[in-house]
Amino acid sequence: MVNESHFSEFINEVSIQAKMENVWGYTCGSWQNCNEETIQSFLSQCLEYNIDPQYCMSWVEQHQNEIPNWEAVSETSLGWVNQHTSTGSAISISEHDLS
């Protein structure tokens, strides 16, 4: 496993796509290792590094044929996104923000 401090430094120096792919490699490692647990870790790390989890899931969905038990992974990820973003949206604006 990569040193977490080194990983944090590296991840801040690359494009969003590369950043997301690096998070994927760090949390899941491969499409075959993607499961309900690793997908939640992936999405959590994406959110921590300010990468839109919905963008990340869109990318993952492009590889659904390579992911074992895709149905369960997809359901888990949808639940995670709905729980951790405002109504499934990565951006939340309140009346307080508008004043």
N, C-alpha and C. Protein backbone atom coordinates (compact mmCIF):
# COMPACT_ATOMS: atom_id res chain seq x y z
N MET A 1 0.84 -1.17 0.00
CA MET A 1 0.00 0.00 0.00
C MET A 1 0.89 1.24 0.00
N VAL A 2 0.44 2.29 -0.66
CA VAL A 2 1.18 3.53 -0.78
C VAL A 2 1.13 4.29 0.55
N ASN A 3 2.24 4.94 0.90
CA ASN A 3 2.27 5.78 2.09
C ASN A 3 1.20 6.86 1.94
N GLU A 4 0.33 6.99 2.94
CA GLU A 4 -0.81 7.89 2.83
C GLU A 4 -0.39 9.36 2.67
N SER A 5 0.66 9.77 3.35
CA SER A 5 1.14 11.14 3.23
C SER A 5 1.64 11.41 1.81
N HIS A 6 2.41 10.48 1.27
CA HIS A 6 2.90 10.60 -0.10
C HIS A 6 1.73 10.61 -1.07
N PHE A 7 0.75 9.76 -0.85
CA PHE A 7 -0.44 9.70 -1.69
C PHE A 7 -1.16 11.05 -1.68
N SER A 8 -1.33 11.64 -0.50
CA SER A 8 -2.02 12.92 -0.38
C SER A 8 -1.28 14.03 -1.13
N GLU A 9 0.03 14.04 -1.05
CA GLU A 9 0.81 15.04 -1.76
C GLU A 9 0.70 14.85 -3.26
N PHE A 10 0.79 13.62 -3.71
CA PHE A 10 0.75 13.31 -5.13
C PHE A 10 -0.62 13.65 -5.73
N ILE A 11 -1.66 13.31 -5.02
CA ILE A 11 -3.01 13.45 -5.57
C ILE A 11 -3.38 14.90 -5.81
N ASN A 12 -2.77 15.82 -5.11
CA ASN A 12 -3.08 17.23 -5.28
C ASN A 12 -2.37 17.87 -6.47
N GLU A 13 -1.51 17.13 -7.16
CA GLU A 13 -0.72 17.70 -8.25
C GLU A 13 -1.20 17.29 -9.64
N VAL A 14 -2.32 16.63 -9.76
CA VAL A 14 -2.74 16.08 -11.04
C VAL A 14 -4.14 16.54 -11.43
N SER A 15 -4.54 16.29 -12.67
CA SER A 15 -5.86 16.67 -13.17
C SER A 15 -6.95 15.90 -12.43
N ILE A 16 -8.18 16.36 -12.55
CA ILE A 16 -9.31 15.70 -11.88
C ILE A 16 -9.43 14.25 -12.35
N GLN A 17 -9.34 14.02 -13.65
CA GLN A 17 -9.45 12.65 -14.17
C GLN A 17 -8.33 11.77 -13.60
N ALA A 18 -7.11 12.28 -13.65
CA ALA A 18 -5.98 11.51 -13.12
C ALA A 18 -6.10 11.34 -11.61
N LYS A 19 -6.57 12.37 -10.94
CA LYS A 19 -6.77 12.31 -9.50
C LYS A 19 -7.77 11.20 -9.17
N MET A 20 -8.89 11.19 -9.90
CA MET A 20 -9.92 10.17 -9.69
C MET A 20 -9.36 8.78 -9.97
N GLU A 21 -8.61 8.62 -11.04
CA GLU A 21 -8.04 7.31 -11.37
C GLU A 21 -7.03 6.86 -10.31
N ASN A 22 -6.29 7.81 -9.75
CA ASN A 22 -5.37 7.46 -8.68
C ASN A 22 -6.11 7.03 -7.42
N VAL A 23 -7.20 7.72 -7.11
CA VAL A 23 -8.02 7.32 -5.97
C VAL A 23 -8.56 5.91 -6.21
N TRP A 24 -8.99 5.66 -7.44
CA TRP A 24 -9.49 4.32 -7.79
C TRP A 24 -8.43 3.26 -7.53
N GLY A 25 -7.23 3.52 -8.01
CA GLY A 25 -6.13 2.57 -7.81
C GLY A 25 -5.81 2.35 -6.35
N TYR A 26 -5.91 3.40 -5.57
CA TYR A 26 -5.60 3.33 -4.14
C TYR A 26 -6.69 2.60 -3.36
N THR A 27 -7.96 2.81 -3.72
CA THR A 27 -9.07 2.24 -2.95
C THR A 27 -9.55 0.90 -3.48
N CYS A 28 -9.59 0.75 -4.79
CA CYS A 28 -10.13 -0.48 -5.39
C CYS A 28 -9.03 -1.34 -6.01
N GLY A 29 -8.11 -0.71 -6.67
CA GLY A 29 -7.01 -1.44 -7.28
C GLY A 29 -7.31 -1.94 -8.67
N SER A 30 -8.47 -2.51 -8.88
CA SER A 30 -8.86 -3.01 -10.20
C SER A 30 -10.38 -3.13 -10.26
N TRP A 31 -10.88 -3.31 -11.47
CA TRP A 31 -12.33 -3.47 -11.64
C TRP A 31 -12.80 -4.73 -10.93
N GLN A 32 -11.99 -5.77 -10.96
CA GLN A 32 -12.36 -7.04 -10.34
C GLN A 32 -12.43 -6.94 -8.81
N ASN A 33 -11.70 -6.01 -8.23
CA ASN A 33 -11.71 -5.82 -6.77
C ASN A 33 -12.79 -4.84 -6.32
N CYS A 34 -13.55 -4.31 -7.25
CA CYS A 34 -14.60 -3.35 -6.89
C CYS A 34 -15.78 -4.12 -6.30
N ASN A 35 -16.13 -3.75 -5.06
CA ASN A 35 -17.28 -4.36 -4.39
C ASN A 35 -17.97 -3.29 -3.55
N GLU A 36 -18.96 -3.68 -2.77
CA GLU A 36 -19.72 -2.69 -1.99
C GLU A 36 -18.83 -1.91 -1.03
N GLU A 37 -17.85 -2.55 -0.46
CA GLU A 37 -16.95 -1.88 0.49
C GLU A 37 -15.98 -0.93 -0.21
N THR A 38 -15.34 -1.42 -1.27
CA THR A 38 -14.33 -0.59 -1.93
C THR A 38 -14.96 0.58 -2.67
N ILE A 39 -16.19 0.42 -3.19
CA ILE A 39 -16.83 1.54 -3.90
C ILE A 39 -17.14 2.67 -2.93
N GLN A 40 -17.52 2.34 -1.71
CA GLN A 40 -17.78 3.37 -0.70
C GLN A 40 -16.49 4.09 -0.31
N SER A 41 -15.42 3.34 -0.20
CA SER A 41 -14.13 3.94 0.10
C SER A 41 -13.71 4.87 -1.04
N PHE A 42 -13.90 4.42 -2.26
CA PHE A 42 -13.58 5.22 -3.45
C PHE A 42 -14.35 6.54 -3.44
N LEU A 43 -15.66 6.45 -3.23
CA LEU A 43 -16.49 7.66 -3.24
C LEU A 43 -16.13 8.60 -2.09
N SER A 44 -15.83 8.04 -0.92
CA SER A 44 -15.43 8.86 0.23
C SER A 44 -14.15 9.61 -0.07
N GLN A 45 -13.18 8.91 -0.65
CA GLN A 45 -11.90 9.55 -0.99
C GLN A 45 -12.10 10.62 -2.07
N CYS A 46 -12.95 10.33 -3.04
CA CYS A 46 -13.22 11.34 -4.08
C CYS A 46 -13.78 12.60 -3.44
N LEU A 47 -14.75 12.43 -2.56
CA LEU A 47 -15.35 13.58 -1.89
C LEU A 47 -14.31 14.33 -1.07
N GLU A 48 -13.45 13.59 -0.38
CA GLU A 48 -12.40 14.20 0.43
C GLU A 48 -11.46 15.04 -0.42
N TYR A 49 -11.20 14.60 -1.66
CA TYR A 49 -10.31 15.34 -2.56
C TYR A 49 -11.07 16.27 -3.51
N ASN A 50 -12.32 16.59 -3.11
CA ASN A 50 -13.15 17.54 -3.85
C ASN A 50 -13.41 17.14 -5.30
N ILE A 51 -13.61 15.85 -5.50
CA ILE A 51 -14.00 15.34 -6.82
C ILE A 51 -15.46 14.92 -6.68
N ASP A 52 -16.30 15.40 -7.57
CA ASP A 52 -17.73 15.11 -7.53
C ASP A 52 -17.98 13.60 -7.58
N PRO A 53 -18.57 13.03 -6.54
CA PRO A 53 -18.84 11.58 -6.53
C PRO A 53 -19.73 11.12 -7.69
N GLN A 54 -20.63 11.98 -8.15
CA GLN A 54 -21.47 11.60 -9.29
C GLN A 54 -20.63 11.49 -10.56
N TYR A 55 -19.69 12.37 -10.73
CA TYR A 55 -18.75 12.29 -11.86
C TYR A 55 -17.97 10.98 -11.78
N CYS A 56 -17.53 10.65 -10.57
CA CYS A 56 -16.77 9.42 -10.37
C CYS A 56 -17.61 8.19 -10.69
N MET A 57 -18.86 8.20 -10.24
CA MET A 57 -19.72 7.05 -10.51
C MET A 57 -20.05 6.93 -11.99
N SER A 58 -20.15 8.04 -12.67
CA SER A 58 -20.39 7.99 -14.11
C SER A 58 -19.22 7.28 -14.80
N TRP A 59 -18.01 7.57 -14.36
CA TRP A 59 -16.82 6.92 -14.91
C TRP A 59 -16.82 5.43 -14.58
N VAL A 60 -17.15 5.09 -13.34
CA VAL A 60 -17.19 3.68 -12.93
C VAL A 60 -18.25 2.93 -13.74
N GLU A 61 -19.39 3.53 -13.95
CA GLU A 61 -20.48 2.89 -14.70
C GLU A 61 -20.05 2.51 -16.12
N GLN A 62 -19.12 3.25 -16.68
CA GLN A 62 -18.62 2.92 -18.03
C GLN A 62 -17.91 1.57 -18.04
N HIS A 63 -17.54 1.07 -16.87
CA HIS A 63 -16.80 -0.18 -16.75
C HIS A 63 -17.61 -1.27 -16.03
N GLN A 64 -18.92 -1.08 -15.99
CA GLN A 64 -19.77 -2.01 -15.24
C GLN A 64 -19.64 -3.46 -15.70
N ASN A 65 -19.36 -3.69 -16.96
CA ASN A 65 -19.23 -5.06 -17.45
C ASN A 65 -17.99 -5.77 -16.90
N GLU A 66 -17.04 -4.99 -16.37
CA GLU A 66 -15.81 -5.55 -15.82
C GLU A 66 -15.89 -5.74 -14.30
N ILE A 67 -16.98 -5.27 -13.69
CA ILE A 67 -17.12 -5.30 -12.23
C ILE A 67 -18.03 -6.46 -11.82
N PRO A 68 -17.48 -7.40 -11.05
CA PRO A 68 -18.31 -8.50 -10.56
C PRO A 68 -19.42 -7.96 -9.65
N ASN A 69 -20.59 -8.56 -9.73
CA ASN A 69 -21.72 -8.17 -8.88
C ASN A 69 -22.06 -6.69 -9.04
N TRP A 70 -22.10 -6.24 -10.29
CA TRP A 70 -22.36 -4.83 -10.58
C TRP A 70 -23.64 -4.33 -9.95
N GLU A 71 -24.69 -5.14 -9.94
CA GLU A 71 -25.98 -4.71 -9.39
C GLU A 71 -25.83 -4.23 -7.95
N ALA A 72 -25.15 -5.01 -7.12
CA ALA A 72 -24.96 -4.65 -5.70
C ALA A 72 -24.05 -3.44 -5.56
N VAL A 73 -23.00 -3.38 -6.37
CA VAL A 73 -22.08 -2.24 -6.33
C VAL A 73 -22.82 -0.97 -6.73
N SER A 74 -23.61 -1.04 -7.78
CA SER A 74 -24.37 0.11 -8.26
C SER A 74 -25.37 0.59 -7.21
N GLU A 75 -26.08 -0.34 -6.61
CA GLU A 75 -27.07 0.01 -5.57
C GLU A 75 -26.38 0.66 -4.36
N THR A 76 -25.25 0.09 -3.95
CA THR A 76 -24.50 0.64 -2.83
C THR A 76 -24.01 2.05 -3.14
N SER A 77 -23.49 2.24 -4.34
CA SER A 77 -22.95 3.56 -4.70
C SER A 77 -24.06 4.60 -4.80
N LEU A 78 -25.20 4.23 -5.33
CA LEU A 78 -26.33 5.16 -5.42
C LEU A 78 -26.78 5.57 -4.02
N GLY A 79 -26.88 4.61 -3.12
CA GLY A 79 -27.24 4.93 -1.74
C GLY A 79 -26.22 5.85 -1.09
N TRP A 80 -24.94 5.60 -1.34
CA TRP A 80 -23.87 6.42 -0.76
C TRP A 80 -23.98 7.85 -1.28
N VAL A 81 -24.13 8.01 -2.59
CA VAL A 81 -24.22 9.34 -3.19
C VAL A 81 -25.43 10.09 -2.63
N ASN A 82 -26.57 9.42 -2.53
CA ASN A 82 -27.76 10.07 -2.00
C ASN A 82 -27.60 10.47 -0.54
N GLN A 83 -26.87 9.68 0.22
CA GLN A 83 -26.66 9.97 1.63
C GLN A 83 -25.64 11.08 1.87
N HIS A 84 -24.63 11.17 1.02
CA HIS A 84 -23.52 12.08 1.26
C HIS A 84 -23.54 13.36 0.41
N THR A 85 -24.50 13.47 -0.46
CA THR A 85 -24.63 14.71 -1.23
C THR A 85 -26.06 15.20 -1.04
N SER A 86 -26.28 16.45 -1.27
CA SER A 86 -27.60 17.03 -1.07
C SER A 86 -28.54 16.54 -2.16
N THR A 87 -29.49 15.71 -1.80
CA THR A 87 -30.47 15.13 -2.72
C THR A 87 -29.82 14.57 -3.98
N GLY A 88 -28.67 13.94 -3.80
CA GLY A 88 -28.00 13.34 -4.95
C GLY A 88 -27.22 14.34 -5.78
N SER A 89 -27.17 15.59 -5.34
CA SER A 89 -26.43 16.62 -6.07
C SER A 89 -25.18 16.98 -5.30
N ALA A 90 -24.08 17.12 -5.99
CA ALA A 90 -22.81 17.44 -5.33
C ALA A 90 -22.75 18.86 -4.81
N ILE A 91 -23.62 19.73 -5.31
CA ILE A 91 -23.60 21.13 -4.90
C ILE A 91 -24.87 21.44 -4.13
N SER A 92 -24.71 22.10 -2.99
CA SER A 92 -25.85 22.46 -2.16
C SER A 92 -25.83 23.96 -1.93
N ILE A 93 -26.94 24.61 -2.20
CA ILE A 93 -27.07 26.05 -1.95
C ILE A 93 -28.25 26.25 -1.01
N SER A 94 -28.02 26.95 0.06
CA SER A 94 -29.10 27.25 0.99
C SER A 94 -29.45 28.73 0.90
N GLU A 95 -30.57 29.10 1.51
CA GLU A 95 -30.96 30.51 1.51
C GLU A 95 -29.89 31.35 2.18
N HIS A 96 -29.23 30.80 3.19
CA HIS A 96 -28.16 31.51 3.89
C HIS A 96 -27.03 31.88 2.92
N ASP A 97 -26.71 30.96 1.98
CA ASP A 97 -25.64 31.22 1.00
C ASP A 97 -26.01 32.35 0.04
N LEU A 98 -27.30 32.57 -0.16
CA LEU A 98 -27.75 33.56 -1.14
C LEU A 98 -27.81 34.96 -0.57
N SER A 99 -27.76 35.12 0.73
CA SER A 99 -27.89 36.46 1.32
C SER A 99 -26.56 37.17 1.44
